[in-house]
Amino acid sequence: MPDARVEELLALDRQHVWHPYGPMPGRREPLLVESAAGVRLRVAGHGELVDGMSSWWSAIHGYNHPALNEAARGQLDRMSHVMFGGLTHEPAVELTRRLVDMSPDGLEHVFLADSGSVSVEVALKMCLQYWRSLGRPEKRRMLTWRGGYHGDTWHPMAVCDPEGGMHELWSGALPRQVFADAPPSSYEEEYARHLSDLIERHAHEVAAVIVEPVVQGAGGMRFHSPTYLRVLREACDAHDVLLVFDEIATGFGRTGALFAADHAAVTPDVMCVGKALTGGYLTSAATLCTSRVAEGISRGEVPVLAHGPTFMGNPLAAAVACASIDLLLGQDWRAEVKRIEAGLRTGLSEAKSLPGVRDVRVLGAIGVVQLDHPIDMAAATRAAVAEGVWLRPFRDMVYTMPPYITGDDDLARIARAVCAAAREG
């Protein structure tokens, strides 16, 4: 792309484009991506950068993948969109079948949403309407643990960490939920009792418990024992509370299991998926639930779930999602994730000796270097780019979630970039 065109686009960007989690006008100039293929982004003025982020954890197969391109082109020739109210189509039906087949046993019904945050909105609405349909409208609060993140729309913000999180600004306006302490990394009996006691104490008013299983994502990239999922399941069953797993970040193999719930062999009542659902090609998400939840809502005074995004069930997104799932399940994805895990453990080990580093942790295709102070994001990003890698540090962390197709040499480069970013940041 000619330099003049690059400057023109960046000038227009500064003037008009509001970027995520940024001010207006912007204070940092974004990099201009011209194209992407495999695990590389072609960036104006920087050549090719290895993508260590999978475009916010979604592009698990990399970019410009032939199988996903073919699925998109084939669906474009048939129809790119049709409303889902009163109509259905093969891509949506096939996608729901695949999701039911691959998800934990008992999740039989699928509501197709158009973003991860909307799928959480739908999940919370399902739980609230379930209890209202059963004549218990007083069960209208949610219970979760601190350190979580579930999206940026209204009710998902209410179940994010209320202190120190990015949504603290809205704490006085959001519905007041019930918060447990943040889960420890290893299993502790005392914390398990804390969870169970809190659920028992608030069962009369709590509709559901919602958590990110095994890995808390944008709230802090923390890992915790899968045993806590069994504690939650048992306590929810004992005290008549629904259980929701937000698998938007953890689903489709990222933690080394197909879904993080599989680490504990637990089935939630409701489960949200998104991000990697379409392999990063199109925005799409889904909320799955058990027959208990679906039938409970259907027996109510209002026997329908009153939610219907315009682009739910989008045929183009559904067709690509089917292709992405087939691509994932058609290969030894577990071996690839284990290979990435081993490469990150080796490559990030040197970060443990860097000044200011508090913790280094790896699980599946996730690597995190946490500092003991807020990171200088601009300096950290420059250091990663100098190593030929795109990373997006935040708060006190430099982390990576690379595409599953990342080769060993590129994986080593990503690890070097993470260490360089931690050193400079």
Protein backbone atom coordinates (compact mmCIF):
# COMPACT_ATOMS: atom_id res chain seq x y z
CA MET A 1 0.00 0.00 0.00
CA PRO A 2 1.48 3.41 -0.94
CA ASP A 3 2.75 5.48 2.00
CA ALA A 4 0.40 8.33 1.10
CA ARG A 5 -2.61 6.04 1.34
CA VAL A 6 -1.40 4.70 4.68
CA GLU A 7 -1.10 8.22 6.07
CA GLU A 8 -4.54 9.13 4.70
CA LEU A 9 -6.16 6.11 6.36
CA LEU A 10 -4.44 6.72 9.69
CA ALA A 11 -5.49 10.36 9.62
CA LEU A 12 -9.11 9.36 8.97
CA ASP A 13 -8.82 6.79 11.74
CA ARG A 14 -7.65 9.43 14.23
CA GLN A 15 -10.49 11.71 13.24
CA HIS A 16 -13.42 9.30 13.16
CA VAL A 17 -12.73 5.78 14.51
CA TRP A 18 -13.37 4.98 18.16
CA HIS A 19 -11.27 1.93 19.05
CA PRO A 20 -12.09 -0.52 21.86
CA TYR A 21 -11.14 0.58 25.37
CA GLY A 22 -9.73 3.82 23.98
CA PRO A 23 -10.40 7.57 24.15
CA MET A 24 -11.73 9.76 21.37
CA PRO A 25 -9.67 11.08 19.73
CA GLY A 26 -7.17 8.27 20.10
CA ARG A 27 -3.85 8.84 21.82
CA ARG A 28 -2.06 5.85 20.32
CA GLU A 29 -1.80 5.31 16.60
CA PRO A 30 -2.96 1.79 15.68
CA LEU A 31 -1.04 -0.39 13.25
CA LEU A 32 -2.63 -0.67 9.81
CA VAL A 33 -3.16 -4.29 8.75
CA GLU A 34 -3.16 -4.76 4.99
CA SER A 35 -3.76 -8.52 4.84
CA ALA A 36 -3.41 -11.70 6.87
CA ALA A 37 -2.56 -15.31 6.09
CA GLY A 38 -1.62 -18.26 8.26
CA VAL A 39 -0.36 -16.81 11.54
CA ARG A 40 0.95 -13.59 10.01
CA LEU A 41 -0.45 -10.10 9.75
CA ARG A 42 0.96 -7.88 7.01
CA VAL A 43 1.25 -4.48 8.66
CA ALA A 44 2.04 -1.22 6.88
CA GLY A 45 5.53 -0.06 7.80
CA HIS A 46 6.36 -3.23 9.76
CA GLY A 47 6.22 -6.05 7.26
CA GLU A 48 4.85 -9.30 8.68
CA LEU A 49 4.06 -9.81 12.35
CA VAL A 50 3.32 -13.20 13.89
CA ASP A 51 -0.06 -12.96 15.60
CA GLY A 52 0.23 -14.03 19.22
CA MET A 53 -3.39 -13.11 20.05
CA SER A 54 -5.53 -15.08 17.57
CA SER A 55 -7.44 -11.82 17.14
CA TRP A 56 -8.68 -11.82 20.72
CA TRP A 57 -8.59 -15.63 20.90
CA SER A 58 -10.90 -16.31 17.97
CA ALA A 59 -8.69 -17.15 14.95
CA ILE A 60 -7.69 -20.63 16.13
CA HIS A 61 -7.01 -21.82 12.56
CA GLY A 62 -5.11 -18.70 11.56
CA TYR A 63 -6.08 -16.42 8.70
CA ASN A 64 -7.20 -16.95 5.12
CA HIS A 65 -7.71 -20.67 5.69
CA PRO A 66 -8.77 -22.49 2.48
CA ALA A 67 -11.49 -24.57 4.14
CA LEU A 68 -13.10 -21.59 5.84
CA ASN A 69 -12.75 -19.44 2.71
CA GLU A 70 -14.49 -22.16 0.70
CA ALA A 71 -17.33 -22.40 3.21
CA ALA A 72 -17.84 -18.63 3.12
CA ARG A 73 -17.76 -18.43 -0.69
CA GLY A 74 -20.12 -21.36 -1.07
CA GLN A 75 -22.63 -19.85 1.33
CA LEU A 76 -22.39 -16.44 -0.36
CA ASP A 77 -23.56 -18.06 -3.57
CA ARG A 78 -26.68 -19.34 -1.77
CA MET A 79 -27.54 -16.51 0.66
CA SER A 80 -25.57 -14.37 3.05
CA HIS A 81 -28.44 -13.60 5.40
CA VAL A 82 -32.10 -14.25 6.02
CA MET A 83 -34.14 -13.40 9.09
CA PHE A 84 -34.45 -16.21 11.64
CA GLY A 85 -37.94 -15.31 12.83
CA GLY A 86 -40.34 -17.79 11.24
CA LEU A 87 -37.60 -19.15 8.95
CA THR A 88 -34.77 -21.65 9.30
CA HIS A 89 -31.99 -22.94 7.10
CA GLU A 90 -29.46 -25.74 6.82
CA PRO A 91 -26.35 -23.93 8.15
CA ALA A 92 -28.09 -22.96 11.41
CA VAL A 93 -29.63 -26.40 11.92
CA GLU A 94 -26.31 -28.11 11.21
CA LEU A 95 -24.45 -25.76 13.55
CA THR A 96 -26.81 -26.45 16.45
CA ARG A 97 -26.45 -30.20 15.84
CA ARG A 98 -22.68 -29.93 15.99
CA LEU A 99 -22.79 -27.84 19.16
CA VAL A 100 -25.12 -30.28 20.91
CA ASP A 101 -22.99 -33.25 19.86
CA MET A 102 -19.70 -31.76 21.06
CA SER A 103 -20.85 -29.99 24.25
CA PRO A 104 -21.19 -31.60 27.70
CA ASP A 105 -24.02 -34.15 27.90
CA GLY A 106 -27.43 -32.68 28.64
CA LEU A 107 -27.11 -29.39 26.78
CA GLU A 108 -29.79 -30.02 24.16
CA HIS A 109 -31.09 -26.62 23.08
CA VAL A 110 -29.24 -23.80 21.33
CA PHE A 111 -30.04 -20.10 21.01
CA LEU A 112 -27.87 -18.53 18.31
CA ALA A 113 -26.67 -15.04 19.21
CA ASP A 114 -24.53 -12.51 17.36
CA SER A 115 -21.78 -11.83 19.93
CA GLY A 116 -20.38 -13.30 23.11
CA SER A 117 -21.74 -10.54 25.31
CA VAL A 118 -25.22 -11.05 23.86
CA SER A 119 -24.98 -14.78 24.55
CA VAL A 120 -24.36 -13.93 28.23
CA GLU A 121 -27.34 -11.54 28.20
CA VAL A 122 -29.43 -14.41 26.83
CA ALA A 123 -28.10 -16.85 29.43
CA LEU A 124 -28.98 -14.52 32.32
CA LYS A 125 -32.39 -13.83 30.82
CA MET A 126 -33.00 -17.59 30.51
CA CYS A 127 -32.24 -18.08 34.20
CA LEU A 128 -34.40 -15.17 35.34
CA GLN A 129 -37.32 -16.25 33.16
CA TYR A 130 -36.99 -19.86 34.30
CA TRP A 131 -37.63 -18.93 37.92
CA ARG A 132 -40.36 -16.45 37.01
CA SER A 133 -42.08 -19.19 35.04
CA LEU A 134 -41.91 -21.45 38.09
CA GLY A 135 -43.56 -18.79 40.23
CA ARG A 136 -40.39 -17.67 42.02
CA PRO A 137 -39.66 -14.17 40.66
CA GLU A 138 -37.78 -13.25 43.84
CA LYS A 139 -34.85 -15.33 42.53
CA ARG A 140 -33.44 -12.54 40.40
CA ARG A 141 -29.85 -11.99 41.52
CA MET A 142 -26.73 -13.65 40.14
CA LEU A 143 -23.83 -15.06 42.10
CA THR A 144 -20.27 -15.16 40.78
CA TRP A 145 -16.72 -14.84 41.99
CA ARG A 146 -14.42 -11.85 41.80
CA GLY A 147 -11.90 -11.52 39.02
CA GLY A 148 -14.39 -12.47 36.31
CA TYR A 149 -15.24 -10.89 32.99
CA HIS A 150 -18.37 -11.64 30.94
CA GLY A 151 -18.69 -8.83 28.41
CA ASP A 152 -19.39 -5.15 28.00
CA THR A 153 -23.17 -4.98 27.63
CA TRP A 154 -25.37 -4.16 30.60
CA HIS A 155 -26.11 -7.31 32.57
CA PRO A 156 -22.81 -9.02 31.71
CA MET A 157 -21.07 -5.97 33.22
CA ALA A 158 -23.00 -6.59 36.42
CA VAL A 159 -21.32 -9.99 36.89
CA CYS A 160 -17.82 -8.72 36.10
CA ASP A 161 -15.55 -7.88 39.01
CA PRO A 162 -17.12 -4.78 40.64
CA GLU A 163 -13.85 -3.47 42.09
CA GLY A 164 -10.78 -2.76 40.03
CA GLY A 165 -12.32 -4.08 36.84
CA MET A 166 -12.96 -2.11 33.68
CA HIS A 167 -16.65 -1.69 34.59
CA GLU A 168 -16.18 -0.26 38.09
CA LEU A 169 -17.47 3.06 36.70
CA TRP A 170 -20.99 1.60 36.53
CA SER A 171 -21.09 -0.04 39.96
CA GLY A 172 -23.76 2.30 41.28
CA ALA A 173 -26.08 1.84 38.32
CA LEU A 174 -25.78 -1.88 37.61
CA PRO A 175 -27.90 -4.52 39.37
CA ARG A 176 -26.22 -5.58 42.61
CA GLN A 177 -25.08 -9.17 42.42
CA VAL A 178 -23.54 -11.55 44.98
CA PHE A 179 -19.76 -11.98 44.79
CA ALA A 180 -17.59 -14.72 46.24
CA ASP A 181 -13.87 -14.20 46.73
CA ALA A 182 -11.69 -14.84 43.67
CA PRO A 183 -10.88 -18.54 43.29
CA PRO A 184 -7.39 -19.71 44.36
CA SER A 185 -5.25 -21.40 41.72
CA SER A 186 -5.13 -24.70 43.61
CA TYR A 187 -7.94 -26.47 45.42
CA GLU A 188 -8.53 -25.32 49.00
CA GLU A 189 -11.19 -26.89 51.17
CA GLU A 190 -11.81 -23.63 53.00
CA TYR A 191 -12.58 -21.83 49.74
CA ALA A 192 -14.88 -24.65 48.65
CA ARG A 193 -16.83 -24.17 51.88
CA HIS A 194 -16.91 -20.41 51.21
CA LEU A 195 -18.58 -21.06 47.84
CA SER A 196 -21.06 -23.57 49.19
CA ASP A 197 -21.99 -21.42 52.19
CA LEU A 198 -22.53 -18.34 50.03
CA ILE A 199 -24.79 -20.24 47.64
CA GLU A 200 -26.79 -21.69 50.54
CA ARG A 201 -27.12 -18.30 52.24
CA HIS A 202 -28.39 -16.54 49.11
CA ALA A 203 -30.30 -19.39 47.45
CA HIS A 204 -33.66 -17.74 48.17
CA GLU A 205 -32.76 -14.75 45.98
CA VAL A 206 -30.19 -16.12 43.51
CA ALA A 207 -31.33 -17.34 40.10
CA ALA A 208 -27.97 -18.65 38.95
CA VAL A 209 -24.25 -18.88 39.52
CA ILE A 210 -22.21 -17.74 36.51
CA VAL A 211 -18.45 -18.29 36.19
CA GLU A 212 -15.71 -18.70 33.62
CA PRO A 213 -14.60 -22.30 34.17
CA VAL A 214 -10.90 -23.01 34.86
CA VAL A 215 -9.63 -19.76 33.27
CA GLN A 216 -10.76 -16.24 34.06
CA GLY A 217 -10.08 -14.27 30.89
CA ALA A 218 -9.99 -10.50 30.51
CA GLY A 219 -10.58 -10.02 34.25
CA GLY A 220 -7.04 -11.14 34.99
CA MET A 221 -6.04 -14.30 33.07
CA ARG A 222 -6.18 -16.38 36.27
CA PHE A 223 -6.31 -20.19 36.35
CA HIS A 224 -8.12 -22.19 39.04
CA SER A 225 -8.71 -25.81 40.00
CA PRO A 226 -11.43 -27.62 38.00
CA THR A 227 -12.57 -29.14 41.29
CA TYR A 228 -14.34 -25.86 42.07
CA LEU A 229 -16.69 -26.57 39.17
CA ARG A 230 -17.84 -29.75 40.90
CA VAL A 231 -18.25 -27.82 44.15
CA LEU A 232 -20.47 -25.32 42.32
CA ARG A 233 -22.49 -28.04 40.62
CA GLU A 234 -23.14 -29.86 43.89
CA ALA A 235 -24.03 -26.67 45.79
CA CYS A 236 -26.34 -25.43 43.03
CA ASP A 237 -28.12 -28.78 42.91
CA ALA A 238 -28.46 -28.88 46.69
CA HIS A 239 -29.93 -25.38 46.94
CA ASP A 240 -32.01 -25.10 43.77
CA VAL A 241 -29.82 -22.65 41.86
CA LEU A 242 -28.96 -22.79 38.16
CA LEU A 243 -25.34 -22.98 36.99
CA VAL A 244 -24.00 -21.05 33.99
CA PHE A 245 -20.57 -21.54 32.42
CA ASP A 246 -19.20 -18.76 30.24
CA GLU A 247 -17.00 -20.70 27.80
CA ILE A 248 -16.64 -17.85 25.31
CA ALA A 249 -12.87 -17.65 25.83
CA THR A 250 -12.23 -21.24 26.97
CA GLY A 251 -14.27 -23.21 24.44
CA PHE A 252 -13.04 -25.12 21.38
CA GLY A 253 -9.86 -26.52 22.89
CA ARG A 254 -8.08 -23.46 24.25
CA THR A 255 -7.44 -24.95 27.73
CA GLY A 256 -6.49 -28.43 26.48
CA ALA A 257 -10.04 -29.79 26.78
CA LEU A 258 -12.74 -29.21 24.20
CA PHE A 259 -14.62 -27.18 26.79
CA ALA A 260 -13.22 -26.20 30.17
CA ALA A 261 -16.18 -27.96 31.81
CA ASP A 262 -14.72 -31.24 30.53
CA HIS A 263 -11.79 -30.88 32.96
CA ALA A 264 -14.27 -31.55 35.76
CA ALA A 265 -16.81 -33.71 33.86
CA VAL A 266 -19.51 -31.21 34.83
CA THR A 267 -22.54 -30.13 32.81
CA PRO A 268 -23.88 -26.64 33.54
CA ASP A 269 -27.55 -25.76 33.09
CA VAL A 270 -26.58 -23.05 30.60
CA MET A 271 -23.36 -22.56 28.60
CA CYS A 272 -22.17 -19.64 26.45
CA VAL A 273 -19.79 -20.03 23.52
CA GLY A 274 -18.38 -17.54 21.02
CA LYS A 275 -14.99 -16.16 19.89
CA ALA A 276 -13.48 -19.25 18.19
CA LEU A 277 -16.91 -20.48 17.07
CA THR A 278 -16.37 -19.23 13.49
CA GLY A 279 -12.59 -19.48 13.56
CA GLY A 280 -12.43 -15.70 13.82
CA TYR A 281 -14.16 -15.08 10.49
CA LEU A 282 -17.48 -13.59 11.58
CA THR A 283 -19.15 -12.48 14.78
CA SER A 284 -21.33 -15.26 16.17
CA ALA A 285 -22.07 -16.89 19.50
CA ALA A 286 -24.52 -19.31 21.09
CA THR A 287 -26.24 -20.03 24.40
CA LEU A 288 -26.91 -23.70 25.11
CA CYS A 289 -29.21 -24.98 27.84
CA THR A 290 -30.66 -28.16 29.26
CA SER A 291 -34.21 -29.41 28.70
CA ARG A 292 -34.97 -28.49 32.30
CA VAL A 293 -34.36 -24.81 31.56
CA ALA A 294 -36.08 -24.78 28.19
CA GLU A 295 -39.17 -26.64 29.41
CA GLY A 296 -39.36 -24.52 32.55
CA ILE A 297 -39.50 -21.33 30.47
CA SER A 298 -42.06 -22.88 28.11
CA ARG A 299 -44.41 -23.66 31.00
CA GLY A 300 -44.55 -20.04 32.14
CA GLU A 301 -47.18 -17.36 31.72
CA VAL A 302 -45.01 -15.99 28.90
CA PRO A 303 -43.91 -19.27 27.28
CA VAL A 304 -41.31 -17.79 24.92
CA LEU A 305 -37.81 -16.41 25.36
CA ALA A 306 -38.34 -12.82 24.29
CA HIS A 307 -35.02 -12.25 22.60
CA GLY A 308 -34.26 -12.06 18.88
CA PRO A 309 -31.13 -10.37 17.50
CA THR A 310 -31.51 -9.32 13.87
CA PHE A 311 -28.51 -11.35 12.79
CA MET A 312 -29.05 -14.45 14.95
CA GLY A 313 -28.59 -17.61 12.95
CA ASN A 314 -26.85 -15.69 10.17
CA PRO A 315 -26.34 -18.28 7.39
CA LEU A 316 -22.89 -17.04 6.43
CA ALA A 317 -21.60 -17.15 10.00
CA ALA A 318 -23.27 -20.51 10.65
CA ALA A 319 -21.76 -22.08 7.53
CA VAL A 320 -18.26 -20.89 8.47
CA ALA A 321 -18.81 -22.05 12.07
CA CYS A 322 -19.71 -25.53 10.83
CA ALA A 323 -16.54 -25.59 8.73
CA SER A 324 -14.44 -24.35 11.65
CA ILE A 325 -15.80 -27.03 13.99
CA ASP A 326 -15.23 -29.72 11.35
CA LEU A 327 -11.68 -28.46 10.83
CA LEU A 328 -11.00 -28.56 14.57
CA LEU A 329 -12.47 -32.01 15.18
CA GLY A 330 -10.98 -33.43 11.99
CA GLN A 331 -7.43 -33.07 13.32
CA ASP A 332 -5.55 -34.05 16.45
CA TRP A 333 -6.22 -30.70 18.08
CA ARG A 334 -5.30 -32.01 21.52
CA ALA A 335 -1.79 -32.81 20.34
CA GLU A 336 -1.45 -29.36 18.78
CA VAL A 337 -2.58 -27.61 21.95
CA LYS A 338 -0.23 -29.75 24.05
CA ARG A 339 2.61 -28.88 21.66
CA ILE A 340 1.85 -25.17 22.08
CA GLU A 341 1.63 -25.59 25.85
CA ALA A 342 5.07 -27.25 25.92
CA GLY A 343 6.55 -24.55 23.69
CA LEU A 344 5.16 -21.76 25.86
CA ARG A 345 6.42 -23.39 29.06
CA THR A 346 9.91 -23.59 27.60
CA GLY A 347 9.91 -20.19 25.93
CA LEU A 348 8.44 -18.25 28.86
CA SER A 349 10.62 -19.88 31.52
CA GLU A 350 13.23 -17.09 31.20
CA ALA A 351 10.57 -14.52 32.16
CA LYS A 352 10.60 -15.89 35.70
CA SER A 353 13.97 -14.26 36.32
CA LEU A 354 13.06 -10.86 34.87
CA PRO A 355 12.80 -7.95 37.32
CA GLY A 356 9.24 -7.00 38.17
CA VAL A 357 7.74 -10.34 37.10
CA ARG A 358 5.37 -11.72 39.74
CA ASP A 359 4.15 -14.88 38.02
CA VAL A 360 4.46 -16.94 34.83
CA ARG A 361 1.70 -19.42 34.06
CA VAL A 362 0.74 -21.62 31.12
CA LEU A 363 -2.33 -23.76 30.47
CA GLY A 364 -3.16 -25.26 27.10
CA ALA A 365 -2.60 -22.64 24.40
CA ILE A 366 -2.48 -19.79 26.94
CA GLY A 367 0.68 -18.16 28.28
CA VAL A 368 0.72 -15.33 30.83
CA VAL A 369 3.50 -13.22 32.32
CA GLN A 370 2.19 -11.10 35.18
CA LEU A 371 4.14 -8.14 36.52
CA ASP A 372 4.06 -6.59 39.98
CA HIS A 373 3.02 -3.22 38.55
CA PRO A 374 0.80 -1.81 35.78
CA ILE A 375 2.38 -2.31 32.38
CA ASP A 376 3.51 0.44 30.06
CA MET A 377 1.35 -0.77 27.20
CA ALA A 378 2.95 1.37 24.50
CA ALA A 379 6.49 0.33 25.43
CA ALA A 380 5.51 -3.34 25.74
CA THR A 381 3.78 -3.32 22.36
CA ARG A 382 6.78 -1.67 20.67
CA ALA A 383 9.08 -4.30 22.16
CA ALA A 384 6.89 -7.13 20.83
CA VAL A 385 6.66 -5.56 17.38
CA ALA A 386 10.44 -5.18 17.32
CA GLU A 387 10.57 -8.97 17.76
CA GLY A 388 8.17 -9.38 14.83
CA VAL A 389 5.13 -10.30 16.93
CA TRP A 390 1.73 -8.74 17.61
CA LEU A 391 0.68 -8.80 21.27
CA ARG A 392 -1.92 -6.80 23.20
CA PRO A 393 -0.72 -6.41 26.83
CA PHE A 394 -3.14 -5.03 29.42
CA ARG A 395 -3.25 -4.06 33.08
CA ASP A 396 -0.24 -5.84 34.65
CA MET A 397 0.04 -8.64 32.10
CA VAL A 398 1.65 -9.68 28.86
CA TYR A 399 -0.08 -12.78 27.55
CA THR A 400 -0.47 -14.83 24.41
CA MET A 401 -3.14 -17.09 22.95
CA PRO A 402 -1.67 -18.11 19.59
CA PRO A 403 -3.53 -19.87 16.76
CA TYR A 404 -3.34 -23.66 16.99
CA ILE A 405 -1.48 -23.80 13.66
CA THR A 406 1.45 -21.80 15.05
CA GLY A 407 4.70 -23.62 14.23
CA ASP A 408 7.47 -24.24 16.72
CA ASP A 409 9.75 -21.51 15.35
CA ASP A 410 6.97 -18.94 15.46
CA LEU A 411 6.00 -20.13 18.92
CA ALA A 412 9.56 -19.51 20.11
CA ARG A 413 9.42 -16.05 18.53
CA ILE A 414 6.16 -15.30 20.36
CA ALA A 415 7.72 -16.37 23.66
CA ARG A 416 10.72 -14.11 23.03
CA ALA A 417 8.36 -11.23 22.28
CA VAL A 418 6.38 -11.82 25.48
CA CYS A 419 9.61 -11.72 27.47
CA ALA A 420 10.78 -8.59 25.65
CA ALA A 421 7.42 -6.90 26.26
CA ALA A 422 7.55 -7.82 29.96
CA ARG A 423 11.11 -6.49 30.20
CA GLU A 424 10.23 -3.16 28.54
CA GLY A 425 6.74 -2.81 29.94
